[in-house]
Amino acid sequence: MFIWIGYEFAMTGKFVSIYNNAPNPWYETVHWYVMFFYVVNVIMVTIGIGIYFRNKLIDGRSTSRTGSLKPVTSTH
């Protein structure tokens, strides 16, 4: 979560920088690829957080039924 919050603050800082340089076009203040990679990283971190909570929910369901985790066995 701290990484996600850090990306949000960084993007907010870029938007504040754009706002403070209002007469200039935004692409002269902040390069487009900087914002692109911030957005891509926020999406990846958000997906990772979602996968973490999904797996935590699945683990909670499997332990609540049996009381302990089931061992993974191969069918081969």
C-alpha atoms as a PDB file:
ATOM      1  CA  MET A   1       0.000   0.000   0.000  1.00  0.00           C
ATOM      2  CA  PHE A   2       2.861   2.401   0.743  1.00  0.00           C
ATOM      3  CA  ILE A   3       4.213   2.009  -2.782  1.00  0.00           C
ATOM      4  CA  TRP A   4       0.770   2.763  -4.222  1.00  0.00           C
ATOM      5  CA  ILE A   5       0.420   5.852  -2.010  1.00  0.00           C
ATOM      6  CA  GLY A   6       3.879   6.995  -3.105  1.00  0.00           C
ATOM      7  CA  TYR A   7       2.910   6.756  -6.771  1.00  0.00           C
ATOM      8  CA  GLU A   8      -0.284   8.706  -6.080  1.00  0.00           C
ATOM      9  CA  PHE A   9       1.667  11.481  -4.338  1.00  0.00           C
ATOM     10  CA  ALA A  10       4.199  11.587  -7.178  1.00  0.00           C
ATOM     11  CA  MET A  11       1.465  11.921  -9.806  1.00  0.00           C
ATOM     12  CA  THR A  12      -0.240  14.593  -7.706  1.00  0.00           C
ATOM     13  CA  GLY A  13       3.075  16.438  -7.555  1.00  0.00           C
ATOM     14  CA  LYS A  14       3.316  16.337 -11.346  1.00  0.00           C
ATOM     15  CA  PHE A  15      -0.214  17.736 -11.671  1.00  0.00           C
ATOM     16  CA  VAL A  16       0.626  20.514  -9.189  1.00  0.00           C
ATOM     17  CA  SER A  17       3.722  21.286 -11.256  1.00  0.00           C
ATOM     18  CA  ILE A  18       1.580  21.511 -14.387  1.00  0.00           C
ATOM     19  CA  TYR A  19      -0.916  23.773 -12.582  1.00  0.00           C
ATOM     20  CA  ASN A  20       1.833  26.088 -11.298  1.00  0.00           C
ATOM     21  CA  ASN A  21       3.172  26.526 -14.841  1.00  0.00           C
ATOM     22  CA  ALA A  22      -0.318  27.186 -16.234  1.00  0.00           C
ATOM     23  CA  PRO A  23       0.569  29.455 -19.188  1.00  0.00           C
ATOM     24  CA  ASN A  24       2.948  26.816 -20.543  1.00  0.00           C
ATOM     25  CA  PRO A  25       1.553  23.702 -22.206  1.00  0.00           C
ATOM     26  CA  TRP A  26       1.571  20.615 -19.985  1.00  0.00           C
ATOM     27  CA  TYR A  27       3.962  18.752 -22.259  1.00  0.00           C
ATOM     28  CA  GLU A  28       6.622  21.423 -21.696  1.00  0.00           C
ATOM     29  CA  THR A  29       6.287  21.083 -17.935  1.00  0.00           C
ATOM     30  CA  VAL A  30       6.124  17.281 -17.645  1.00  0.00           C
ATOM     31  CA  HIS A  31       7.142  14.872 -20.362  1.00  0.00           C
ATOM     32  CA  TRP A  32       4.327  12.558 -21.462  1.00  0.00           C
ATOM     33  CA  TYR A  33       6.378   9.394 -20.914  1.00  0.00           C
ATOM     34  CA  VAL A  34       6.868  10.254 -17.233  1.00  0.00           C
ATOM     35  CA  MET A  35       3.114  10.306 -16.639  1.00  0.00           C
ATOM     36  CA  PHE A  36       2.667   7.222 -18.831  1.00  0.00           C
ATOM     37  CA  PHE A  37       5.018   5.153 -16.701  1.00  0.00           C
ATOM     38  CA  TYR A  38       3.492   6.469 -13.475  1.00  0.00           C
ATOM     39  CA  VAL A  39       0.070   5.331 -14.685  1.00  0.00           C
ATOM     40  CA  VAL A  40       1.400   1.939 -15.833  1.00  0.00           C
ATOM     41  CA  ASN A  41       3.123   1.393 -12.474  1.00  0.00           C
ATOM     42  CA  VAL A  42       0.007   2.382 -10.510  1.00  0.00           C
ATOM     43  CA  ILE A  43      -2.033  -0.102 -12.561  1.00  0.00           C
ATOM     44  CA  MET A  44       0.500  -2.894 -11.939  1.00  0.00           C
ATOM     45  CA  VAL A  45       0.708  -2.177  -8.204  1.00  0.00           C
ATOM     46  CA  THR A  46      -3.099  -2.056  -7.977  1.00  0.00           C
ATOM     47  CA  ILE A  47      -3.372  -5.423  -9.733  1.00  0.00           C
ATOM     48  CA  GLY A  48      -0.738  -6.850  -7.380  1.00  0.00           C
ATOM     49  CA  ILE A  49      -2.652  -5.610  -4.327  1.00  0.00           C
ATOM     50  CA  GLY A  50      -5.842  -7.119  -5.739  1.00  0.00           C
ATOM     51  CA  ILE A  51      -4.120 -10.478  -6.312  1.00  0.00           C
ATOM     52  CA  TYR A  52      -2.769 -10.410  -2.752  1.00  0.00           C
ATOM     53  CA  PHE A  53      -6.226  -9.911  -1.241  1.00  0.00           C
ATOM     54  CA  ARG A  54      -7.742 -12.489  -3.609  1.00  0.00           C
ATOM     55  CA  ASN A  55      -5.166 -15.085  -2.542  1.00  0.00           C
ATOM     56  CA  LYS A  56      -5.644 -14.166   1.106  1.00  0.00           C
ATOM     57  CA  LEU A  57      -9.394 -14.748   0.713  1.00  0.00           C
ATOM     58  CA  ILE A  58      -8.822 -18.097  -1.015  1.00  0.00           C
ATOM     59  CA  ASP A  59      -6.378 -19.179   1.719  1.00  0.00           C
ATOM     60  CA  GLY A  60      -8.878 -18.153   4.385  1.00  0.00           C
ATOM     61  CA  ARG A  61     -11.605 -20.229   2.767  1.00  0.00           C
ATOM     62  CA  SER A  62      -9.419 -23.340   2.484  1.00  0.00           C
ATOM     63  CA  THR A  63      -8.210 -23.127   6.104  1.00  0.00           C
ATOM     64  CA  SER A  64     -11.695 -22.469   7.496  1.00  0.00           C
ATOM     65  CA  ARG A  65     -13.034 -25.690   5.963  1.00  0.00           C
ATOM     66  CA  THR A  66     -10.289 -28.058   7.029  1.00  0.00           C
ATOM     67  CA  GLY A  67      -8.556 -26.251   9.876  1.00  0.00           C
ATOM     68  CA  SER A  68      -5.215 -26.433   8.073  1.00  0.00           C
ATOM     69  CA  LEU A  69      -3.874 -25.999   4.593  1.00  0.00           C
ATOM     70  CA  LYS A  70      -4.186 -28.922   2.216  1.00  0.00           C
ATOM     71  CA  PRO A  71      -0.914 -30.184   0.746  1.00  0.00           C
ATOM     72  CA  VAL A  72      -0.508 -29.765  -2.969  1.00  0.00           C
ATOM     73  CA  THR A  73      -0.182 -33.129  -4.674  1.00  0.00           C
ATOM     74  CA  SER A  74       0.630 -33.980  -8.242  1.00  0.00           C
ATOM     75  CA  THR A  75      -1.618 -36.229 -10.317  1.00  0.00           C
ATOM     76  CA  HIS A  76       1.265 -37.523 -12.448  1.00  0.00           C
END
